[in-house]
Each structure stands twice: as structure tokens, then as C-alpha cells.
């Protein structure tokens, strides 16, 4: 960590976060041939249905295998019931190619071994569907870590790179060497991903793969020659699994805001030896256009004091964007977990003296919020209304993972998400 930052406040205690099951909401949209079966309670089912905003009859690509009282009391064999439900599901939904068994708090409490269940069901339905498992339990994860678990489960299925003749940018190399490719890890909105891949193609990078893919059975290959570029900062386990397979991590900030997005693309270009002049020719017009679009939002945000509660692990990149591009003052930047390797490029760009906090003791953090009286607090839904009642504007952190916010073209939309609550509070009249 850069020496211009004080040591982070490290806390543990009561937390106020969504569980990792929430990530299913964007993952199931990403891979239409996959199904996410939560092994949990009715509460789990209500959470996912509410977060996704779907009707019961809409046949979404997720569901819940309900653990009843007999399961929880050990009076019934939960594995038999799970086998029956999976057989019914696959008979009804022949398009499913990958089935994720997703652990929850109830399944963790009764020690239901979903790894063995996935092996058993995979053997039963071999050739028909691939069965994987990961934990979305709120006991163990914040809501974005569910994606990390799902992608980690996919990594062992990714094949090794095929032999090639060098980089896609025209570099030489002997036959038999793995062709170089850029692998972007982290779920992005389809339109945003298309735009970023197109920009890389304009830079001469045509061999670009993504994880997760748009079809769960079309996994990219990974190994030596793969250069890994993270689009999301909460993929610690996935990044390490890919590095263990031979991928090389590109050190870069995350593509949030104008400055971060340009640096993210420039870092990838540099890793492949792309001429910086070409990078400037492609990206600088976008930067100029983005700055014009952001100007009215910067007027609202500049000079305002910001406190970020730990929730999604997006907090540090967002703090860098809101300080660097929008001129906000950082009171405190909380994060559920500080991965120093994946955050190195972001930490270097935070203003000197920025106070970080790692972990959460919600009562102590609320005390600091009330003492500091920031203009805006980024927090979970459970804290927003009480803070609003105290006269402090809030931004729901969960909205940021459902919105297309990555890339230079989306910078103004991202800034508007933070400017909106300040404008709304400014328009209110209190008597």
C-alpha cells in the first residue's frame, strides 16, 4: 500500500450486507443456458425473487430447493430430495447445460455437502448437464463474492490454450507456443462488454475472451499466453485460480470513470506492446466527450464529502473515481475485504491521507458517520432510510452492480447515480 495512506481501521462485528445469493440476479442473465439452484429456505427464495423483480410464472433461470423443518432437524435425507428435484428440473428444462448448486446459510448450518452432491448428480446426468457448486451463504460472503464463487467453479473446466504462432497483434513467435489472448474477468452488461471489446479491436487486440462467457459451455481457454484483465474488483479467488493456471495478471485500476477506464485499457494495450500513440488516438476523443457529459454532474459533486460503508468491494475504485473525476472529498472508504494485490493500482491514486476501513462493526461506523456528517453516504438498503431521516443523503450500493457503469462512455451515467440523491435532497423543503 502507498505510504501516503494511514493504516486502515480494521473492524469485526455486526455487519449490514446482502448475502452472496444476490449475485445470481446478474449471473443468470449472463448465461442463459445455466441454472442456479439455491439449496436453502423460503427466505432465500423470497430474497432472490424480490431482488430480481420477477413474477413466479416467468420461469427464471434460478430456483430454490427448499430445506424444510424435517431437513433442518435431520429427520429427512436432504440429498434424496435434492436428487428428485434436480431430475424434475432437468426433465422440465432441457435447455439447461450447466447447473449450479448454490449453498446458503441453512445448507451450511446442517453441513449439507454440496460438493459431493454435485459430483453425484454430475455422474447421474453425465453428458446431459455439468453440475457445479459454490457457496452464496451470507455467513461467509458479501453479495458480490457470490460471483467470485461461481466463476471459481468454472475455472477447472477451462481448457489449456491451443498452440499458436504468437500474439494477435502481429508479433512473431515459433509454432507450438500458446497464442496470446486477453481475458476479461467479471460480469459486464452485454452492451458495455461489446463496446469495450470493439475498442480493444480498434487497438489491434482481436483475441479477447470473457469470463463468464455468454454461454456456460463456451468457456475460454486459459494458461500461459493468457493476460488477465479484471473488470470487477471482487474476484480474488477467481484471479488466483486463473493465475495458478498460468494467466498473467495485468496491473491496472478498474474501468470506473474516465480516468480509471482509460488507464484500464491502456494497461492492457501496454501488456501487448501496443503503440501509446494509437491508444491516444482511439481513446482521447472518448475522454473529451466523456468529460463534457460529466461536467454538470461534477458541478453537483465537487467539494461534497463522501463516506462509503463496506458492502460490495467496489468502494475503493468508486472512491478513486468520485475523488479523481468528480472532485468529492473522501471522509472514509470502507471495504468488506482489502485485497492489496488487486487494489494496488487503485490505492496509489487515492488522495493522501484517505482513511480506509476493512471489515465492519456497523454501530461504530454509524457513530463515525454521525460525527462526521458527510454530504453523501454509500451504504446498503438497511441503513439508507435511518440515515436519510438524520438529514444525510444516501446511495444504495446494490444499485451499482445492477447498472451499466463500466467504461468511459458510462462515466457520466455513473456520476449521475451519485449526483441524483444530492439533487433530490437539495430540492426537498423541511419544516
Protein backbone atom coordinates (compact mmCIF):
# COMPACT_ATOMS: atom_id res chain seq x y z
CA UNK A 1 0.00 0.00 0.00
CA UNK A 2 1.17 3.51 -0.71
CA UNK A 3 2.75 5.21 2.31
CA UNK A 4 0.57 8.32 1.79
CA UNK A 5 -2.40 6.47 3.29
CA UNK A 6 -2.79 5.91 7.05
CA UNK A 7 -3.24 2.33 8.28
CA UNK A 8 -6.79 1.11 7.65
CA UNK A 9 -9.23 0.79 10.52
CA UNK A 10 -9.81 -2.94 10.96
CA UNK A 11 -13.16 -3.92 12.42
CA UNK A 12 -15.26 -7.01 13.02
CA UNK A 13 -18.70 -7.29 14.46
CA UNK A 14 -22.26 -6.80 13.30
CA UNK A 15 -22.46 -6.45 9.51
CA UNK A 16 -25.12 -4.92 7.28
CA UNK A 17 -24.77 -6.56 3.85
CA UNK A 18 -26.71 -8.66 1.36
CA UNK A 19 -25.70 -12.31 1.08
CA UNK A 20 -23.87 -13.84 -1.87
CA UNK A 21 -27.09 -15.26 -3.33
CA UNK A 22 -27.85 -11.82 -4.74
CA UNK A 23 -25.20 -12.26 -7.44
CA UNK A 24 -27.45 -14.84 -9.10
CA UNK A 25 -29.59 -11.93 -10.29
CA UNK A 26 -26.95 -10.78 -12.78
CA UNK A 27 -25.27 -14.15 -13.38
CA UNK A 28 -28.46 -15.87 -14.56
CA UNK A 29 -28.97 -13.14 -17.14
CA UNK A 30 -25.42 -13.50 -18.36
CA UNK A 31 -25.54 -17.24 -19.10
CA UNK A 32 -28.98 -18.21 -20.43
CA UNK A 33 -28.06 -21.90 -20.65
CA UNK A 34 -27.17 -22.10 -16.95
CA UNK A 35 -29.48 -22.64 -13.98
CA UNK A 36 -28.80 -21.59 -10.39
CA UNK A 37 -30.47 -23.85 -7.85
CA UNK A 38 -30.24 -22.42 -4.35
CA UNK A 39 -30.32 -25.08 -1.65
CA UNK A 40 -31.88 -23.04 1.11
CA UNK A 41 -35.00 -21.78 2.83
CA UNK A 42 -38.10 -19.88 1.77
CA UNK A 43 -36.32 -16.73 2.90
CA UNK A 44 -33.65 -17.41 0.27
CA UNK A 45 -36.34 -17.82 -2.38
CA UNK A 46 -38.06 -14.57 -1.39
CA UNK A 47 -34.74 -12.69 -1.45
CA UNK A 48 -33.86 -13.77 -4.98
CA UNK A 49 -37.35 -13.22 -6.35
CA UNK A 50 -37.56 -9.77 -4.78
CA UNK A 51 -34.10 -8.70 -5.91
CA UNK A 52 -34.70 -9.93 -9.45
CA UNK A 53 -38.16 -8.42 -9.68
CA UNK A 54 -39.60 -11.44 -11.47
CA UNK A 55 -43.04 -13.00 -11.37
CA UNK A 56 -43.38 -16.55 -10.16
CA UNK A 57 -44.73 -17.72 -13.54
CA UNK A 58 -41.90 -16.08 -15.51
CA UNK A 59 -39.78 -19.28 -15.40
CA UNK A 60 -36.49 -17.58 -14.49
CA UNK A 61 -33.19 -19.43 -14.70
CA UNK A 62 -32.92 -19.82 -10.95
CA UNK A 63 -34.91 -21.52 -8.21
CA UNK A 64 -34.72 -22.75 -4.63
CA UNK A 65 -34.67 -26.28 -3.31
CA UNK A 66 -36.46 -25.61 -0.03
CA UNK A 67 -34.96 -27.12 3.09
CA UNK A 68 -37.93 -27.80 5.36
CA UNK A 69 -38.15 -28.42 9.08
CA UNK A 70 -37.54 -32.15 8.65
CA UNK A 71 -34.36 -31.44 6.67
CA UNK A 72 -33.09 -28.97 9.23
CA UNK A 73 -33.87 -31.36 12.07
CA UNK A 74 -32.07 -34.23 10.35
CA UNK A 75 -35.28 -36.28 10.05
CA UNK A 76 -35.19 -36.42 6.26
CA UNK A 77 -32.45 -37.14 3.76
CA UNK A 78 -31.92 -33.80 2.03
CA UNK A 79 -29.79 -35.46 -0.66
CA UNK A 80 -32.66 -37.72 -1.77
CA UNK A 81 -34.96 -34.73 -2.07
CA UNK A 82 -32.29 -32.78 -3.96
CA UNK A 83 -31.80 -35.64 -6.43
CA UNK A 84 -35.55 -35.77 -7.04
CA UNK A 85 -35.83 -32.02 -7.60
CA UNK A 86 -32.87 -31.94 -9.98
CA UNK A 87 -34.31 -34.78 -12.05
CA UNK A 88 -37.63 -32.92 -12.31
CA UNK A 89 -35.88 -29.67 -13.19
CA UNK A 90 -33.80 -31.20 -15.98
CA UNK A 91 -36.83 -33.01 -17.40
CA UNK A 92 -38.77 -29.73 -17.49
CA UNK A 93 -35.88 -27.57 -18.72
CA UNK A 94 -33.96 -29.48 -21.43
CA UNK A 95 -32.05 -26.31 -22.43
CA UNK A 96 -30.01 -26.31 -19.18
CA UNK A 97 -26.35 -27.13 -19.85
CA UNK A 98 -24.76 -26.06 -16.57
CA UNK A 99 -26.42 -26.47 -13.18
CA UNK A 100 -25.02 -24.60 -10.20
CA UNK A 101 -25.91 -25.89 -6.74
CA UNK A 102 -25.67 -22.78 -4.60
CA UNK A 103 -25.10 -23.14 -0.87
CA UNK A 104 -26.95 -20.92 1.59
CA UNK A 105 -26.97 -20.27 5.32
CA UNK A 106 -29.39 -23.17 6.01
CA UNK A 107 -27.41 -25.66 3.95
CA UNK A 108 -24.21 -24.53 5.68
CA UNK A 109 -25.81 -24.92 9.12
CA UNK A 110 -26.86 -28.54 8.53
CA UNK A 111 -23.48 -29.32 6.90
CA UNK A 112 -25.00 -30.43 3.62
CA UNK A 113 -22.07 -31.37 1.38
CA UNK A 114 -22.99 -29.80 -1.94
CA UNK A 115 -19.59 -30.61 -3.45
CA UNK A 116 -20.35 -34.33 -3.13
CA UNK A 117 -23.91 -33.72 -4.28
CA UNK A 118 -22.60 -32.01 -7.41
CA UNK A 119 -20.28 -34.96 -8.12
CA UNK A 120 -23.12 -37.43 -7.62
CA UNK A 121 -25.59 -35.52 -9.78
CA UNK A 122 -22.95 -34.90 -12.42
CA UNK A 123 -22.37 -38.64 -12.68
CA UNK A 124 -26.12 -39.36 -12.80
CA UNK A 125 -26.68 -36.87 -15.63
CA UNK A 126 -23.33 -37.20 -17.42
CA UNK A 127 -23.46 -35.98 -20.99
CA UNK A 128 -26.66 -34.08 -20.30
CA UNK A 129 -25.52 -31.34 -17.93
CA UNK A 130 -22.47 -30.17 -15.99
CA UNK A 131 -23.18 -29.82 -12.26
CA UNK A 132 -21.09 -27.40 -10.19
CA UNK A 133 -21.40 -25.90 -6.73
CA UNK A 134 -20.35 -22.82 -4.81
CA UNK A 135 -21.41 -21.02 -1.63
CA UNK A 136 -23.61 -17.94 -1.58
CA UNK A 137 -24.11 -18.15 2.16
CA UNK A 138 -24.47 -14.84 3.95
CA UNK A 139 -22.46 -16.37 6.79
CA UNK A 140 -19.40 -16.47 4.56
CA UNK A 141 -19.85 -13.93 1.77
CA UNK A 142 -20.88 -10.43 0.85
CA UNK A 143 -23.23 -10.19 -2.11
CA UNK A 144 -20.59 -9.69 -4.82
CA UNK A 145 -18.48 -12.63 -3.61
CA UNK A 146 -21.16 -14.94 -4.95
CA UNK A 147 -19.91 -14.16 -8.45
CA UNK A 148 -16.37 -14.94 -7.36
CA UNK A 149 -17.52 -18.35 -6.14
CA UNK A 150 -19.43 -19.08 -9.35
CA UNK A 151 -16.51 -18.16 -11.61
CA UNK A 152 -14.08 -20.16 -9.47
CA UNK A 153 -16.30 -23.19 -10.02
CA UNK A 154 -15.97 -22.69 -13.80
CA UNK A 155 -12.16 -22.35 -13.87
CA UNK A 156 -11.38 -26.11 -13.62
CA UNK A 157 -13.50 -26.66 -16.75
CA UNK A 158 -11.45 -24.22 -18.84
CA UNK A 159 -9.13 -25.93 -21.27
CA UNK A 160 -5.49 -25.09 -21.93
CA UNK A 161 -4.63 -22.70 -24.76
CA UNK A 162 -4.08 -24.16 -28.19
CA UNK A 163 -0.66 -23.80 -29.77
CA UNK A 164 -0.31 -20.71 -31.95
CA UNK A 165 2.17 -18.61 -33.75
CA UNK A 166 2.36 -15.60 -31.45
CA UNK A 167 0.33 -12.64 -30.38
CA UNK A 168 -2.77 -11.47 -32.22
CA UNK A 169 -1.12 -8.05 -32.57
CA UNK A 170 1.25 -9.37 -35.20
CA UNK A 171 4.21 -10.28 -33.01
CA UNK A 172 6.36 -13.17 -34.09
CA UNK A 173 6.93 -16.42 -32.31
CA UNK A 174 7.70 -20.02 -33.03
CA UNK A 175 4.99 -22.52 -33.71
CA UNK A 176 3.95 -24.53 -30.68
CA UNK A 177 3.79 -21.50 -28.40
CA UNK A 178 0.35 -20.71 -26.98
CA UNK A 179 -1.28 -17.83 -28.82
CA UNK A 180 -1.60 -14.74 -26.65
CA UNK A 181 -5.07 -13.66 -25.64
CA UNK A 182 -6.66 -11.06 -23.42
CA UNK A 183 -9.10 -12.48 -20.86
CA UNK A 184 -11.52 -10.01 -19.25
CA UNK A 185 -12.90 -11.44 -15.98
CA UNK A 186 -16.04 -10.12 -14.33
CA UNK A 187 -19.64 -9.79 -15.44
CA UNK A 188 -20.42 -6.72 -17.53
CA UNK A 189 -23.63 -5.63 -19.22
CA UNK A 190 -23.67 -7.10 -22.73
CA UNK A 191 -23.77 -3.70 -24.43
CA UNK A 192 -20.88 -2.42 -22.30
CA UNK A 193 -18.81 -5.53 -23.00
CA UNK A 194 -19.47 -5.24 -26.74
CA UNK A 195 -18.30 -1.64 -26.66
CA UNK A 196 -15.10 -2.47 -24.75
CA UNK A 197 -14.26 -5.45 -26.99
CA UNK A 198 -14.78 -3.24 -30.03
CA UNK A 199 -12.39 -0.65 -28.60
CA UNK A 200 -9.77 -3.32 -28.00
CA UNK A 201 -10.19 -4.44 -31.61
CA UNK A 202 -9.51 -0.86 -32.73
CA UNK A 203 -6.30 -1.06 -30.70
CA UNK A 204 -5.32 -4.23 -32.56
CA UNK A 205 -6.38 -6.72 -29.88
CA UNK A 206 -8.70 -9.16 -31.63
CA UNK A 207 -8.15 -12.22 -29.44
CA UNK A 208 -10.30 -11.15 -26.48
CA UNK A 209 -12.23 -13.62 -24.33
CA UNK A 210 -14.56 -13.01 -21.38
CA UNK A 211 -15.39 -14.82 -18.15
CA UNK A 212 -18.21 -15.55 -17.59
CA UNK A 213 -18.98 -16.25 -21.24
CA UNK A 214 -22.43 -15.69 -22.69
CA UNK A 215 -22.92 -19.43 -22.86
CA UNK A 216 -21.72 -21.51 -19.95
CA UNK A 217 -20.45 -24.28 -22.24
CA UNK A 218 -18.27 -21.94 -24.31
CA UNK A 219 -15.59 -21.31 -21.74
CA UNK A 220 -12.41 -19.55 -22.84
CA UNK A 221 -9.10 -21.37 -22.62
CA UNK A 222 -6.57 -20.24 -20.03
CA UNK A 223 -2.88 -20.82 -19.47
CA UNK A 224 0.50 -19.40 -20.47
CA UNK A 225 -0.09 -16.68 -23.04
CA UNK A 226 -3.30 -15.53 -21.30
CA UNK A 227 -3.15 -11.99 -19.96
CA UNK A 228 -5.81 -11.41 -17.31
CA UNK A 229 -7.61 -8.08 -17.02
CA UNK A 230 -10.12 -7.81 -14.17
CA UNK A 231 -13.28 -5.82 -14.83
CA UNK A 232 -14.55 -6.30 -11.27
CA UNK A 233 -12.52 -5.87 -8.06
CA UNK A 234 -14.17 -8.62 -6.01
CA UNK A 235 -12.78 -11.64 -7.89
CA UNK A 236 -9.90 -12.50 -5.57
CA UNK A 237 -10.42 -16.26 -5.66
CA UNK A 238 -11.06 -16.34 -9.40
CA UNK A 239 -7.97 -14.25 -10.14
CA UNK A 240 -5.75 -16.56 -8.11
CA UNK A 241 -7.24 -19.67 -9.72
CA UNK A 242 -6.55 -18.23 -13.18
CA UNK A 243 -3.02 -17.18 -12.21
CA UNK A 244 -2.41 -20.73 -10.92
CA UNK A 245 -3.37 -21.94 -14.41
CA UNK A 246 -0.67 -19.75 -15.95
CA UNK A 247 -2.50 -16.49 -16.65
CA UNK A 248 -0.59 -13.24 -16.15
CA UNK A 249 -2.42 -10.55 -14.21
CA UNK A 250 -2.35 -7.08 -15.78
CA UNK A 251 -1.88 -4.49 -13.07
CA UNK A 252 -4.49 -1.78 -13.63
CA UNK A 253 -7.19 0.27 -11.95
CA UNK A 254 -10.77 -0.74 -12.67
CA UNK A 255 -12.83 0.65 -15.57
CA UNK A 256 -14.95 3.03 -13.49
CA UNK A 257 -14.98 6.65 -14.61
CA UNK A 258 -12.99 8.37 -17.32
CA UNK A 259 -9.54 8.23 -15.76
CA UNK A 260 -9.82 4.64 -14.49
CA UNK A 261 -11.33 3.30 -17.71
CA UNK A 262 -8.67 4.88 -19.88
CA UNK A 263 -5.90 3.58 -17.62
CA UNK A 264 -7.51 0.11 -17.63
CA UNK A 265 -7.48 -0.08 -21.42
CA UNK A 266 -4.03 1.49 -21.68
CA UNK A 267 -2.62 -1.09 -19.26
CA UNK A 268 -3.95 -3.91 -21.44
CA UNK A 269 -2.54 -2.27 -24.56
CA UNK A 270 0.87 -1.87 -22.91
CA UNK A 271 0.86 -5.55 -21.91
CA UNK A 272 0.58 -6.44 -25.61
CA UNK A 273 3.08 -3.83 -26.81
CA UNK A 274 0.53 -1.54 -28.47
CA UNK A 275 1.90 1.86 -29.52
CA UNK A 276 0.81 4.52 -26.96
CA UNK A 277 0.14 6.90 -29.87
CA UNK A 278 -2.55 4.52 -31.16
CA UNK A 279 -4.02 4.28 -27.67
CA UNK A 280 -4.28 8.06 -27.51
CA UNK A 281 -5.78 8.28 -30.99
CA UNK A 282 -8.52 5.81 -30.09
CA UNK A 283 -9.28 6.83 -26.51
CA UNK A 284 -8.64 10.57 -26.24
CA UNK A 285 -11.73 11.56 -28.28
CA UNK A 286 -13.82 9.40 -25.94
CA UNK A 287 -12.22 11.06 -22.93
CA UNK A 288 -13.05 14.52 -24.25
CA UNK A 289 -16.65 13.52 -24.95
CA UNK A 290 -16.96 11.88 -21.53
CA UNK A 291 -15.66 14.96 -19.74
CA UNK A 292 -18.27 17.13 -21.46
CA UNK A 293 -21.03 14.72 -20.46
CA UNK A 294 -19.80 14.60 -16.86
CA UNK A 295 -19.49 18.37 -16.39
CA UNK A 296 -22.98 19.03 -14.94
CA UNK A 297 -22.65 16.12 -12.51
CA UNK A 298 -19.22 17.28 -11.39
CA UNK A 299 -20.72 20.67 -10.55
CA UNK A 300 -23.09 18.89 -8.15
CA UNK A 301 -20.49 16.55 -6.65
CA UNK A 302 -17.35 18.70 -6.40
CA UNK A 303 -16.47 19.61 -2.82
CA UNK A 304 -19.11 17.31 -1.29
CA UNK A 305 -17.98 14.98 1.49
CA UNK A 306 -18.37 11.25 0.92
CA UNK A 307 -18.47 8.24 3.29
CA UNK A 308 -18.52 4.73 1.79
CA UNK A 309 -19.77 1.90 4.01
CA UNK A 310 -18.33 -1.58 3.29
CA UNK A 311 -20.68 -3.63 1.16
CA UNK A 312 -19.62 -4.65 -2.35
CA UNK A 313 -15.81 -4.31 -2.63
CA UNK A 314 -16.46 -1.67 -5.30
CA UNK A 315 -15.86 1.02 -2.68
CA UNK A 316 -12.17 1.75 -3.33
CA UNK A 317 -12.50 2.12 -7.13
CA UNK A 318 -15.63 4.22 -6.63
CA UNK A 319 -13.83 6.43 -4.11
CA UNK A 320 -10.98 6.93 -6.57
CA UNK A 321 -13.45 7.86 -9.32
CA UNK A 322 -15.52 10.21 -7.18
CA UNK A 323 -12.41 11.95 -5.89
CA UNK A 324 -10.36 11.99 -9.09
CA UNK A 325 -13.04 12.63 -11.71
CA UNK A 326 -15.74 14.34 -9.65
CA UNK A 327 -13.83 16.32 -7.02
CA UNK A 328 -15.50 14.82 -3.95
CA UNK A 329 -13.77 14.77 -0.55
CA UNK A 330 -13.33 11.32 0.99
CA UNK A 331 -14.25 11.07 4.67
CA UNK A 332 -13.85 7.29 4.95
CA UNK A 333 -13.66 4.45 2.44
CA UNK A 334 -14.85 1.14 3.84
CA UNK A 335 -14.46 -2.24 2.18
CA UNK A 336 -15.53 -5.71 3.39
CA UNK A 337 -12.12 -7.13 2.48
CA UNK A 338 -8.96 -5.39 1.29
CA UNK A 339 -7.10 -7.41 -1.34
CA UNK A 340 -3.88 -5.41 -1.60
CA UNK A 341 -2.70 -7.13 -4.78
CA UNK A 342 -5.88 -6.49 -6.75
CA UNK A 343 -6.29 -2.97 -5.33
CA UNK A 344 -2.68 -1.79 -5.67
CA UNK A 345 -3.26 0.44 -8.71
CA UNK A 346 -6.37 1.95 -7.08
CA UNK A 347 -4.75 2.64 -3.71
CA UNK A 348 -1.95 4.55 -5.38
CA UNK A 349 -4.45 7.01 -6.83
CA UNK A 350 -6.40 7.79 -3.67
CA UNK A 351 -5.73 11.25 -2.19
CA UNK A 352 -3.02 11.30 0.52
CA UNK A 353 -4.48 10.81 3.96
CA UNK A 354 -7.57 8.88 2.78
CA UNK A 355 -8.89 6.83 5.70
CA UNK A 356 -9.69 3.23 4.78
CA UNK A 357 -11.60 0.75 6.91
CA UNK A 358 -11.63 -3.02 6.43
CA UNK A 359 -14.43 -5.18 7.74
CA UNK A 360 -17.42 -3.83 9.60
CA UNK A 361 -18.73 -3.05 13.02
CA UNK A 362 -21.87 -1.29 11.89
CA UNK A 363 -22.58 0.57 15.14
CA UNK A 364 -19.08 2.04 15.32
CA UNK A 365 -19.19 3.05 11.67
CA UNK A 366 -22.56 4.73 12.12
CA UNK A 367 -21.13 6.64 15.07
CA UNK A 368 -18.35 7.92 12.80
CA UNK A 369 -20.89 8.85 10.14
CA UNK A 370 -22.94 10.87 12.61
CA UNK A 371 -19.83 12.55 13.99
CA UNK A 372 -18.52 13.49 10.52
CA UNK A 373 -21.91 14.40 8.97
CA UNK A 374 -20.87 13.72 5.33
CA UNK A 375 -22.97 15.02 2.45
CA UNK A 376 -23.42 11.54 0.97
CA UNK A 377 -23.15 8.00 2.32
CA UNK A 378 -22.91 4.95 0.07
CA UNK A 379 -24.47 2.07 2.01
CA UNK A 380 -26.79 -0.92 1.98
CA UNK A 381 -30.55 -0.66 1.86
CA UNK A 382 -30.93 -1.40 5.57
CA UNK A 383 -29.02 1.73 6.55
CA UNK A 384 -30.32 4.17 3.96
CA UNK A 385 -33.65 5.21 5.48
CA UNK A 386 -32.32 5.79 9.02
CA UNK A 387 -29.54 7.98 7.62
CA UNK A 388 -31.95 9.88 5.39
CA UNK A 389 -34.07 10.54 8.48
CA UNK A 390 -30.98 12.12 10.04
CA UNK A 391 -30.66 14.51 7.10
CA UNK A 392 -27.86 12.64 5.29
CA UNK A 393 -28.27 11.77 1.60
CA UNK A 394 -27.58 8.14 0.70
CA UNK A 395 -26.82 6.00 -2.34
CA UNK A 396 -27.75 2.31 -2.36
CA UNK A 397 -24.62 0.31 -3.07
CA UNK A 398 -26.52 -2.62 -4.55
CA UNK A 399 -27.83 -0.44 -7.38
CA UNK A 400 -24.27 -0.12 -8.68
CA UNK A 401 -23.99 -3.80 -9.57
CA UNK A 402 -27.27 -3.75 -11.50
CA UNK A 403 -26.34 -0.68 -13.57
CA UNK A 404 -24.09 -0.49 -16.67
CA UNK A 405 -21.35 1.67 -15.14
CA UNK A 406 -18.09 0.46 -16.70
CA UNK A 407 -16.13 2.30 -19.35
CA UNK A 408 -15.52 5.87 -20.48
CA UNK A 409 -18.90 6.08 -22.22
CA UNK A 410 -20.70 5.20 -18.98
CA UNK A 411 -18.79 7.65 -16.75
CA UNK A 412 -21.48 10.34 -16.88
CA UNK A 413 -24.17 7.78 -16.04
CA UNK A 414 -22.09 6.60 -13.09
CA UNK A 415 -21.58 10.15 -11.83
CA UNK A 416 -25.31 10.83 -12.21
CA UNK A 417 -26.09 7.94 -9.84
CA UNK A 418 -24.29 9.86 -7.08
CA UNK A 419 -25.43 13.33 -8.08
CA UNK A 420 -29.10 12.32 -8.09
CA UNK A 421 -29.55 11.82 -4.31
CA UNK A 422 -27.79 15.13 -3.62
CA UNK A 423 -30.05 16.95 -6.06
CA UNK A 424 -33.10 15.24 -4.62
CA UNK A 425 -32.20 16.25 -1.06
CA UNK A 426 -31.43 19.78 -2.21
CA UNK A 427 -34.89 20.03 -3.74
CA UNK A 428 -36.66 18.94 -0.52
CA UNK A 429 -38.10 21.53 1.82
CA UNK A 430 -38.02 20.68 5.53
CA UNK A 431 -40.26 22.44 8.05
